[in-house]
């Protein structure tokens, strides 16, 4: 199985890591490791996962409020981007 990371995914990851880095380098590192771990899980299971609110397969990055969105086509997983999960119940 091959893996492709979109420019958007990479940009989203760097942007959010930067935001967490403004608070704490340790927090930024934990965020990046969580995203990397969830990405490895998607690859390991060949993309079998939940469908998110936008209709794409996704993986949650708990305890961080983000989904990793991806698409699977034949033998390739395309990581599309990170989406913030709103915690607002209104």
N, C-alpha and C. Protein backbone atom coordinates (compact mmCIF):
# COMPACT_ATOMS: atom_id res chain seq x y z
N UNK A 1 0.85 -1.17 0.00
CA UNK A 1 0.00 0.00 0.00
C UNK A 1 0.89 1.24 0.00
N UNK A 2 0.63 2.15 -0.90
CA UNK A 2 1.40 3.40 -0.93
C UNK A 2 0.62 4.49 -0.20
N UNK A 3 1.36 5.51 0.23
CA UNK A 3 0.79 6.59 1.02
C UNK A 3 1.19 7.92 0.41
N UNK A 4 0.21 8.84 0.31
CA UNK A 4 0.47 10.17 -0.22
C UNK A 4 -0.06 11.19 0.78
N UNK A 5 0.80 12.12 1.19
CA UNK A 5 0.39 13.20 2.09
C UNK A 5 0.21 14.46 1.25
N UNK A 6 -0.99 15.01 1.27
CA UNK A 6 -1.26 16.21 0.49
C UNK A 6 -0.53 17.43 1.07
N UNK A 7 -0.36 18.44 0.25
CA UNK A 7 0.23 19.69 0.72
C UNK A 7 -0.62 20.28 1.83
N UNK A 8 -1.93 20.13 1.71
CA UNK A 8 -2.86 20.65 2.72
C UNK A 8 -2.64 19.96 4.07
N UNK A 9 -2.49 18.63 4.04
CA UNK A 9 -2.26 17.88 5.27
C UNK A 9 -0.99 18.35 5.95
N UNK A 10 0.08 18.48 5.18
CA UNK A 10 1.36 18.93 5.73
C UNK A 10 1.25 20.35 6.30
N UNK A 11 0.57 21.22 5.57
CA UNK A 11 0.40 22.61 6.02
C UNK A 11 -0.45 22.67 7.29
N UNK A 12 -1.53 21.89 7.33
CA UNK A 12 -2.38 21.84 8.52
C UNK A 12 -1.58 21.37 9.73
N UNK A 13 -0.79 20.33 9.55
CA UNK A 13 0.00 19.78 10.64
C UNK A 13 1.00 20.81 11.17
N UNK A 14 1.71 21.48 10.28
CA UNK A 14 2.68 22.50 10.70
C UNK A 14 2.00 23.68 11.39
N UNK A 15 0.84 24.09 10.87
CA UNK A 15 0.12 25.22 11.47
C UNK A 15 -0.33 24.89 12.89
N UNK A 16 -0.95 23.74 13.06
CA UNK A 16 -1.45 23.38 14.38
C UNK A 16 -0.31 23.07 15.35
N UNK A 17 0.74 22.46 14.87
CA UNK A 17 1.90 22.20 15.72
C UNK A 17 2.49 23.53 16.19
N UNK A 18 2.49 24.52 15.31
CA UNK A 18 2.98 25.85 15.68
C UNK A 18 2.12 26.49 16.76
N UNK A 19 0.81 26.33 16.66
CA UNK A 19 -0.09 26.88 17.68
C UNK A 19 0.17 26.23 19.04
N UNK A 20 0.30 24.92 19.03
CA UNK A 20 0.59 24.23 20.30
C UNK A 20 1.98 24.60 20.80
N UNK A 21 2.90 24.83 19.87
CA UNK A 21 4.26 25.22 20.25
C UNK A 21 4.33 26.57 20.94
N UNK A 22 3.40 27.46 20.62
CA UNK A 22 3.34 28.75 21.31
C UNK A 22 3.02 28.57 22.78
N UNK A 23 2.32 27.51 23.10
CA UNK A 23 1.97 27.21 24.49
C UNK A 23 3.12 26.45 25.16
N UNK A 24 3.57 25.39 24.46
CA UNK A 24 4.62 24.54 25.04
C UNK A 24 5.21 23.65 23.95
N UNK A 25 6.52 23.56 23.91
CA UNK A 25 7.17 22.67 22.95
C UNK A 25 6.79 21.21 23.21
N UNK A 26 6.63 20.89 24.47
CA UNK A 26 6.24 19.53 24.84
C UNK A 26 4.84 19.21 24.31
N UNK A 27 3.93 20.17 24.40
CA UNK A 27 2.58 19.99 23.88
C UNK A 27 2.60 19.84 22.37
N UNK A 28 3.41 20.64 21.69
CA UNK A 28 3.54 20.53 20.23
C UNK A 28 4.08 19.17 19.83
N UNK A 29 5.05 18.67 20.57
CA UNK A 29 5.62 17.36 20.30
C UNK A 29 4.58 16.26 20.52
N UNK A 30 3.79 16.39 21.58
CA UNK A 30 2.74 15.40 21.87
C UNK A 30 1.69 15.39 20.76
N UNK A 31 1.35 16.58 20.26
CA UNK A 31 0.38 16.67 19.16
C UNK A 31 0.92 15.97 17.92
N UNK A 32 2.14 16.28 17.56
CA UNK A 32 2.74 15.67 16.36
C UNK A 32 2.82 14.15 16.50
N UNK A 33 3.20 13.67 17.67
CA UNK A 33 3.28 12.23 17.90
C UNK A 33 1.91 11.57 17.82
N UNK A 34 0.88 12.26 18.32
CA UNK A 34 -0.47 11.71 18.26
C UNK A 34 -0.95 11.60 16.82
N UNK A 35 -0.70 12.63 16.03
CA UNK A 35 -1.08 12.60 14.62
C UNK A 35 -0.31 11.49 13.90
N UNK A 36 0.99 11.39 14.18
CA UNK A 36 1.81 10.34 13.55
C UNK A 36 1.32 8.95 13.92
N UNK A 37 0.98 8.76 15.20
CA UNK A 37 0.48 7.47 15.65
C UNK A 37 -0.83 7.09 14.99
N UNK A 38 -1.74 8.05 14.88
CA UNK A 38 -3.03 7.77 14.25
C UNK A 38 -2.85 7.54 12.74
N UNK A 39 -1.92 8.23 12.14
CA UNK A 39 -1.62 8.02 10.72
C UNK A 39 -1.09 6.61 10.51
N UNK A 40 -0.21 6.16 11.39
CA UNK A 40 0.30 4.78 11.30
C UNK A 40 -0.83 3.76 11.44
N UNK A 41 -1.80 4.04 12.32
CA UNK A 41 -2.94 3.13 12.49
C UNK A 41 -3.78 3.05 11.21
N UNK A 42 -4.00 4.17 10.58
CA UNK A 42 -4.76 4.18 9.32
C UNK A 42 -4.04 3.32 8.28
N UNK A 43 -2.72 3.48 8.19
CA UNK A 43 -1.93 2.71 7.24
C UNK A 43 -1.97 1.23 7.60
N UNK A 44 -1.81 0.92 8.87
CA UNK A 44 -1.81 -0.47 9.33
C UNK A 44 -3.11 -1.19 8.96
N UNK A 45 -4.25 -0.51 9.15
CA UNK A 45 -5.55 -1.12 8.88
C UNK A 45 -6.04 -0.83 7.47
N UNK A 46 -5.18 -0.27 6.65
CA UNK A 46 -5.49 0.01 5.24
C UNK A 46 -6.72 0.89 5.08
N UNK A 47 -6.86 1.82 6.01
CA UNK A 47 -7.88 2.86 5.87
C UNK A 47 -9.27 2.51 6.33
N UNK A 48 -9.48 1.37 6.94
CA UNK A 48 -10.82 1.03 7.39
C UNK A 48 -11.10 1.83 8.65
N UNK A 49 -12.05 2.74 8.58
CA UNK A 49 -12.32 3.60 9.73
C UNK A 49 -13.70 4.23 9.61
N UNK A 50 -13.97 5.19 10.47
CA UNK A 50 -15.25 5.88 10.49
C UNK A 50 -15.32 6.91 9.37
N UNK A 51 -16.55 7.27 9.03
CA UNK A 51 -16.77 8.36 8.08
C UNK A 51 -17.11 9.59 8.90
N UNK A 52 -16.43 10.68 8.62
CA UNK A 52 -16.62 11.91 9.37
C UNK A 52 -17.77 12.74 8.85
N UNK A 53 -17.99 13.89 9.48
CA UNK A 53 -19.12 14.74 9.11
C UNK A 53 -19.05 15.31 7.69
N UNK A 54 -17.88 15.24 7.05
CA UNK A 54 -17.75 15.74 5.68
C UNK A 54 -17.83 14.63 4.65
N UNK A 55 -18.12 13.39 5.09
CA UNK A 55 -18.28 12.29 4.16
C UNK A 55 -17.02 11.54 3.81
N UNK A 56 -15.88 11.92 4.40
CA UNK A 56 -14.62 11.23 4.15
C UNK A 56 -14.28 10.34 5.33
N UNK A 57 -13.57 9.25 5.09
CA UNK A 57 -13.06 8.46 6.20
C UNK A 57 -12.13 9.34 7.06
N UNK A 58 -12.14 9.10 8.36
CA UNK A 58 -11.32 9.92 9.24
C UNK A 58 -10.89 9.14 10.46
N UNK A 59 -9.96 9.73 11.18
CA UNK A 59 -9.45 9.16 12.44
C UNK A 59 -9.33 10.30 13.43
N UNK A 60 -9.85 10.13 14.62
CA UNK A 60 -9.80 11.16 15.67
C UNK A 60 -8.43 11.16 16.35
N UNK A 61 -7.97 12.35 16.74
CA UNK A 61 -6.65 12.49 17.36
C UNK A 61 -6.75 12.79 18.85
N UNK A 62 -7.65 12.11 19.54
CA UNK A 62 -7.81 12.36 20.98
C UNK A 62 -6.49 12.30 21.71
N UNK A 63 -6.27 13.15 22.66
CA UNK A 63 -7.16 14.13 23.27
C UNK A 63 -7.20 15.47 22.52
N UNK A 64 -6.53 15.57 21.41
CA UNK A 64 -6.54 16.80 20.61
C UNK A 64 -7.80 16.84 19.75
N UNK A 65 -8.40 18.03 19.59
CA UNK A 65 -9.70 18.13 18.91
C UNK A 65 -9.59 18.20 17.38
N UNK A 66 -9.05 17.15 16.77
CA UNK A 66 -8.89 17.13 15.32
C UNK A 66 -9.25 15.77 14.74
N UNK A 67 -9.71 15.79 13.50
CA UNK A 67 -9.85 14.58 12.70
C UNK A 67 -8.76 14.60 11.63
N UNK A 68 -8.22 13.43 11.32
CA UNK A 68 -7.33 13.25 10.17
C UNK A 68 -8.22 12.71 9.06
N UNK A 69 -8.36 13.45 7.98
CA UNK A 69 -9.17 12.99 6.84
C UNK A 69 -8.28 12.37 5.79
N UNK A 70 -8.79 11.29 5.19
CA UNK A 70 -8.03 10.59 4.17
C UNK A 70 -9.00 9.94 3.18
N UNK A 71 -8.46 9.50 2.07
CA UNK A 71 -9.23 8.77 1.06
C UNK A 71 -8.40 7.57 0.63
N UNK A 72 -9.08 6.49 0.32
CA UNK A 72 -8.40 5.28 -0.14
C UNK A 72 -8.86 5.00 -1.56
N UNK A 73 -7.91 4.86 -2.46
CA UNK A 73 -8.19 4.51 -3.85
C UNK A 73 -7.26 3.39 -4.26
N UNK A 74 -7.85 2.25 -4.54
CA UNK A 74 -7.11 1.05 -4.88
C UNK A 74 -6.07 0.75 -3.79
N UNK A 75 -4.80 0.83 -4.09
CA UNK A 75 -3.76 0.49 -3.13
C UNK A 75 -3.03 1.73 -2.61
N UNK A 76 -3.72 2.88 -2.59
CA UNK A 76 -3.11 4.13 -2.15
C UNK A 76 -3.99 4.81 -1.12
N UNK A 77 -3.37 5.28 -0.04
CA UNK A 77 -4.07 6.10 0.95
C UNK A 77 -3.60 7.54 0.77
N UNK A 78 -4.55 8.44 0.58
CA UNK A 78 -4.26 9.86 0.43
C UNK A 78 -4.68 10.57 1.72
N UNK A 79 -3.72 11.15 2.43
CA UNK A 79 -4.05 11.93 3.62
C UNK A 79 -4.36 13.34 3.15
N UNK A 80 -5.60 13.78 3.40
CA UNK A 80 -6.13 15.01 2.83
C UNK A 80 -5.92 16.25 3.70
N UNK A 81 -6.11 16.11 5.01
CA UNK A 81 -5.95 17.27 5.88
C UNK A 81 -6.40 16.99 7.29
N UNK A 82 -6.22 17.99 8.14
CA UNK A 82 -6.69 17.94 9.52
C UNK A 82 -7.87 18.89 9.65
N UNK A 83 -8.89 18.47 10.38
CA UNK A 83 -10.05 19.32 10.61
C UNK A 83 -10.30 19.44 12.10
N UNK A 84 -10.47 20.65 12.55
CA UNK A 84 -10.75 20.92 13.96
C UNK A 84 -12.16 20.48 14.28
N UNK A 85 -12.34 19.85 15.43
CA UNK A 85 -13.65 19.42 15.88
C UNK A 85 -14.20 20.47 16.82
N UNK A 86 -15.32 21.03 16.47
CA UNK A 86 -15.93 22.04 17.33
C UNK A 86 -16.47 21.40 18.60
N UNK A 87 -16.17 22.02 19.72
CA UNK A 87 -16.70 21.55 21.00
C UNK A 87 -17.89 22.38 21.43
N UNK A 88 -18.32 23.29 20.58
CA UNK A 88 -19.46 24.14 20.87
C UNK A 88 -20.74 23.35 20.63
N UNK A 89 -21.58 23.25 21.61
CA UNK A 89 -22.82 22.48 21.50
C UNK A 89 -24.02 23.32 21.10
N UNK A 90 -23.81 24.53 20.66
CA UNK A 90 -24.93 25.42 20.30
C UNK A 90 -25.31 25.27 18.86
